[in-house]
Amino acid sequence: MAGAFGSLSAGVLVLFFSGLDRRRCALLIALLAAVAYAILAGLTLPTQRAVIMLGVVGMAFLLRRGLSPGHALLLAFAAVL
């Protein structure tokens, strides 16, 4: 049921953001899903770190910059502090 809802909402977002390519649209959908999950989970520290890491990697992707997993973890750690 949750997968069907996710697919439907992703389809609607793709229609609204048709100017974006598929990867950027998928990144936007993943970030929205991660934020929604973090809110439902009570914004604990691990969920905050996961959302921040996704945001850091997403920004690196949007800026077309390579980012190693270690650097992403370090940036997320600095943002949580």
N, C-alpha and C. Protein backbone atom coordinates (compact mmCIF):
# COMPACT_ATOMS: atom_id res chain seq x y z
N MET A 1 0.82 -1.19 0.00
CA MET A 1 0.00 0.00 0.00
C MET A 1 0.87 1.26 0.00
N ALA A 2 1.92 1.23 0.83
CA ALA A 2 2.80 2.40 0.90
C ALA A 2 3.55 2.59 -0.42
N GLY A 3 3.93 1.48 -1.04
CA GLY A 3 4.62 1.58 -2.33
C GLY A 3 3.74 2.16 -3.42
N ALA A 4 2.47 1.78 -3.39
CA ALA A 4 1.53 2.32 -4.38
C ALA A 4 1.34 3.82 -4.17
N PHE A 5 1.24 4.23 -2.91
CA PHE A 5 1.10 5.66 -2.63
C PHE A 5 2.35 6.42 -3.06
N GLY A 6 3.52 5.83 -2.80
CA GLY A 6 4.76 6.47 -3.21
C GLY A 6 4.86 6.60 -4.71
N SER A 7 4.45 5.58 -5.43
CA SER A 7 4.48 5.63 -6.89
C SER A 7 3.53 6.68 -7.44
N LEU A 8 2.35 6.75 -6.86
CA LEU A 8 1.38 7.75 -7.31
C LEU A 8 1.86 9.17 -7.03
N SER A 9 2.39 9.39 -5.83
CA SER A 9 2.86 10.73 -5.50
C SER A 9 4.09 11.09 -6.34
N ALA A 10 4.94 10.11 -6.63
CA ALA A 10 6.10 10.38 -7.48
C ALA A 10 5.64 10.74 -8.89
N GLY A 11 4.63 10.06 -9.39
CA GLY A 11 4.10 10.37 -10.72
C GLY A 11 3.55 11.79 -10.80
N VAL A 12 2.87 12.20 -9.75
CA VAL A 12 2.33 13.57 -9.71
C VAL A 12 3.46 14.58 -9.67
N LEU A 13 4.50 14.31 -8.88
CA LEU A 13 5.63 15.23 -8.83
C LEU A 13 6.36 15.31 -10.16
N VAL A 14 6.46 14.20 -10.86
CA VAL A 14 7.11 14.21 -12.17
C VAL A 14 6.32 15.08 -13.14
N LEU A 15 5.00 15.03 -13.05
CA LEU A 15 4.18 15.87 -13.93
C LEU A 15 4.39 17.36 -13.63
N PHE A 16 4.48 17.71 -12.35
CA PHE A 16 4.67 19.11 -11.99
C PHE A 16 6.06 19.61 -12.30
N PHE A 17 7.06 18.76 -12.13
CA PHE A 17 8.44 19.16 -12.37
C PHE A 17 8.97 18.50 -13.63
N SER A 18 8.24 18.62 -14.71
CA SER A 18 8.64 17.96 -15.95
C SER A 18 9.90 18.56 -16.55
N GLY A 19 10.28 19.76 -16.13
CA GLY A 19 11.50 20.38 -16.64
C GLY A 19 12.76 19.75 -16.09
N LEU A 20 12.65 19.05 -14.97
CA LEU A 20 13.81 18.39 -14.37
C LEU A 20 14.07 17.05 -15.05
N ASP A 21 15.31 16.65 -15.06
CA ASP A 21 15.59 15.32 -15.58
C ASP A 21 15.20 14.28 -14.52
N ARG A 22 15.24 13.02 -14.90
CA ARG A 22 14.73 11.97 -14.02
C ARG A 22 15.54 11.82 -12.75
N ARG A 23 16.85 11.98 -12.84
CA ARG A 23 17.69 11.84 -11.65
C ARG A 23 17.42 12.94 -10.64
N ARG A 24 17.27 14.15 -11.09
CA ARG A 24 17.00 15.26 -10.17
C ARG A 24 15.61 15.12 -9.56
N CYS A 25 14.67 14.66 -10.33
CA CYS A 25 13.33 14.44 -9.82
C CYS A 25 13.34 13.32 -8.78
N ALA A 26 14.10 12.26 -9.04
CA ALA A 26 14.23 11.17 -8.07
C ALA A 26 14.89 11.65 -6.79
N LEU A 27 15.88 12.54 -6.92
CA LEU A 27 16.53 13.11 -5.75
C LEU A 27 15.56 13.93 -4.92
N LEU A 28 14.74 14.71 -5.56
CA LEU A 28 13.75 15.52 -4.87
C LEU A 28 12.74 14.62 -4.15
N ILE A 29 12.29 13.58 -4.80
CA ILE A 29 11.33 12.66 -4.20
C ILE A 29 11.97 11.94 -3.01
N ALA A 30 13.21 11.52 -3.15
CA ALA A 30 13.91 10.83 -2.05
C ALA A 30 14.09 11.76 -0.85
N LEU A 31 14.41 13.00 -1.11
CA LEU A 31 14.59 13.95 -0.01
C LEU A 31 13.27 14.22 0.70
N LEU A 32 12.20 14.36 -0.07
CA LEU A 32 10.89 14.56 0.55
C LEU A 32 10.47 13.34 1.37
N ALA A 33 10.72 12.16 0.86
CA ALA A 33 10.38 10.94 1.59
C ALA A 33 11.22 10.82 2.86
N ALA A 34 12.49 11.16 2.79
CA ALA A 34 13.35 11.08 3.96
C ALA A 34 12.93 12.08 5.04
N VAL A 35 12.55 13.27 4.63
CA VAL A 35 12.08 14.27 5.60
C VAL A 35 10.77 13.82 6.23
N ALA A 36 9.87 13.28 5.43
CA ALA A 36 8.60 12.79 5.97
C ALA A 36 8.84 11.66 6.96
N TYR A 37 9.73 10.73 6.63
CA TYR A 37 10.03 9.63 7.54
C TYR A 37 10.68 10.15 8.83
N ALA A 38 11.59 11.11 8.69
CA ALA A 38 12.26 11.65 9.87
C ALA A 38 11.26 12.31 10.82
N ILE A 39 10.30 13.00 10.26
CA ILE A 39 9.27 13.63 11.09
C ILE A 39 8.42 12.56 11.77
N LEU A 40 8.05 11.53 11.02
CA LEU A 40 7.26 10.45 11.63
C LEU A 40 8.04 9.69 12.69
N ALA A 41 9.35 9.59 12.53
CA ALA A 41 10.19 8.86 13.48
C ALA A 41 10.54 9.70 14.70
N GLY A 42 10.17 10.95 14.71
CA GLY A 42 10.41 11.80 15.87
C GLY A 42 11.68 12.62 15.80
N LEU A 43 12.27 12.74 14.63
CA LEU A 43 13.48 13.52 14.41
C LEU A 43 14.59 13.16 15.40
N THR A 44 14.83 11.86 15.57
CA THR A 44 15.94 11.44 16.41
C THR A 44 17.25 11.73 15.70
N LEU A 45 18.33 11.66 16.43
CA LEU A 45 19.63 12.01 15.87
C LEU A 45 20.02 11.16 14.64
N PRO A 46 19.81 9.83 14.66
CA PRO A 46 20.15 9.06 13.45
C PRO A 46 19.33 9.46 12.22
N THR A 47 18.05 9.78 12.42
CA THR A 47 17.25 10.17 11.26
C THR A 47 17.65 11.56 10.77
N GLN A 48 17.99 12.44 11.69
CA GLN A 48 18.47 13.76 11.27
C GLN A 48 19.75 13.62 10.45
N ARG A 49 20.65 12.76 10.93
CA ARG A 49 21.92 12.55 10.23
C ARG A 49 21.68 11.97 8.83
N ALA A 50 20.74 11.05 8.72
CA ALA A 50 20.45 10.45 7.42
C ALA A 50 19.87 11.48 6.45
N VAL A 51 18.98 12.32 6.94
CA VAL A 51 18.39 13.36 6.08
C VAL A 51 19.47 14.36 5.65
N ILE A 52 20.33 14.73 6.59
CA ILE A 52 21.39 15.67 6.25
C ILE A 52 22.36 15.06 5.25
N MET A 53 22.70 13.78 5.44
CA MET A 53 23.60 13.11 4.50
C MET A 53 22.98 13.05 3.11
N LEU A 54 21.69 12.75 3.05
CA LEU A 54 21.02 12.72 1.75
C LEU A 54 21.04 14.11 1.11
N GLY A 55 20.84 15.13 1.93
CA GLY A 55 20.88 16.50 1.41
C GLY A 55 22.26 16.89 0.92
N VAL A 56 23.30 16.49 1.66
CA VAL A 56 24.67 16.81 1.25
C VAL A 56 25.02 16.12 -0.06
N VAL A 57 24.71 14.84 -0.14
CA VAL A 57 25.00 14.10 -1.38
C VAL A 57 24.15 14.64 -2.53
N GLY A 58 22.91 15.00 -2.23
CA GLY A 58 22.05 15.57 -3.26
C GLY A 58 22.57 16.89 -3.79
N MET A 59 23.06 17.74 -2.88
CA MET A 59 23.61 19.02 -3.33
C MET A 59 24.88 18.80 -4.15
N ALA A 60 25.69 17.83 -3.74
CA ALA A 60 26.89 17.52 -4.54
C ALA A 60 26.50 17.03 -5.92
N PHE A 61 25.43 16.24 -6.00
CA PHE A 61 24.96 15.77 -7.30
C PHE A 61 24.44 16.93 -8.14
N LEU A 62 23.65 17.81 -7.52
CA LEU A 62 23.10 18.94 -8.27
C LEU A 62 24.19 19.88 -8.75
N LEU A 63 25.25 20.02 -7.96
CA LEU A 63 26.35 20.89 -8.35
C LEU A 63 27.38 20.17 -9.23
N ARG A 64 27.09 18.90 -9.53
CA ARG A 64 27.95 18.07 -10.37
C ARG A 64 29.36 17.94 -9.81
N ARG A 65 29.44 17.69 -8.50
CA ARG A 65 30.72 17.51 -7.83
C ARG A 65 30.78 16.11 -7.25
N GLY A 66 31.91 15.48 -7.35
CA GLY A 66 32.10 14.17 -6.76
C GLY A 66 32.24 14.29 -5.24
N LEU A 67 31.71 13.33 -4.51
CA LEU A 67 31.79 13.37 -3.06
C LEU A 67 31.95 11.95 -2.55
N SER A 68 33.02 11.72 -1.82
CA SER A 68 33.24 10.39 -1.28
C SER A 68 32.32 10.18 -0.07
N PRO A 69 32.00 8.94 0.26
CA PRO A 69 31.13 8.67 1.42
C PRO A 69 31.71 9.21 2.72
N GLY A 70 33.03 9.18 2.86
CA GLY A 70 33.65 9.71 4.07
C GLY A 70 33.44 11.20 4.22
N HIS A 71 33.56 11.93 3.11
CA HIS A 71 33.34 13.37 3.16
C HIS A 71 31.87 13.69 3.43
N ALA A 72 30.97 12.91 2.86
CA ALA A 72 29.55 13.14 3.12
C ALA A 72 29.22 12.91 4.59
N LEU A 73 29.79 11.87 5.18
CA LEU A 73 29.58 11.61 6.60
C LEU A 73 30.16 12.72 7.46
N LEU A 74 31.33 13.22 7.07
CA LEU A 74 31.95 14.31 7.83
C LEU A 74 31.13 15.59 7.75
N LEU A 75 30.61 15.92 6.58
CA LEU A 75 29.77 17.10 6.43
C LEU A 75 28.48 16.97 7.21
N ALA A 76 27.88 15.77 7.20
CA ALA A 76 26.66 15.55 7.97
C ALA A 76 26.94 15.65 9.45
N PHE A 77 28.08 15.14 9.90
CA PHE A 77 28.46 15.22 11.31
C PHE A 77 28.62 16.69 11.72
N ALA A 78 29.26 17.48 10.88
CA ALA A 78 29.45 18.91 11.18
C ALA A 78 28.12 19.64 11.20
N ALA A 79 27.20 19.26 10.32
CA ALA A 79 25.89 19.94 10.28
C ALA A 79 25.04 19.56 11.49
N VAL A 80 25.16 18.33 11.98
CA VAL A 80 24.38 17.91 13.15
C VAL A 80 24.88 18.65 14.40
N LEU A 81 26.20 18.85 14.49
CA LEU A 81 26.75 19.55 15.64
C LEU A 81 26.32 20.99 15.62
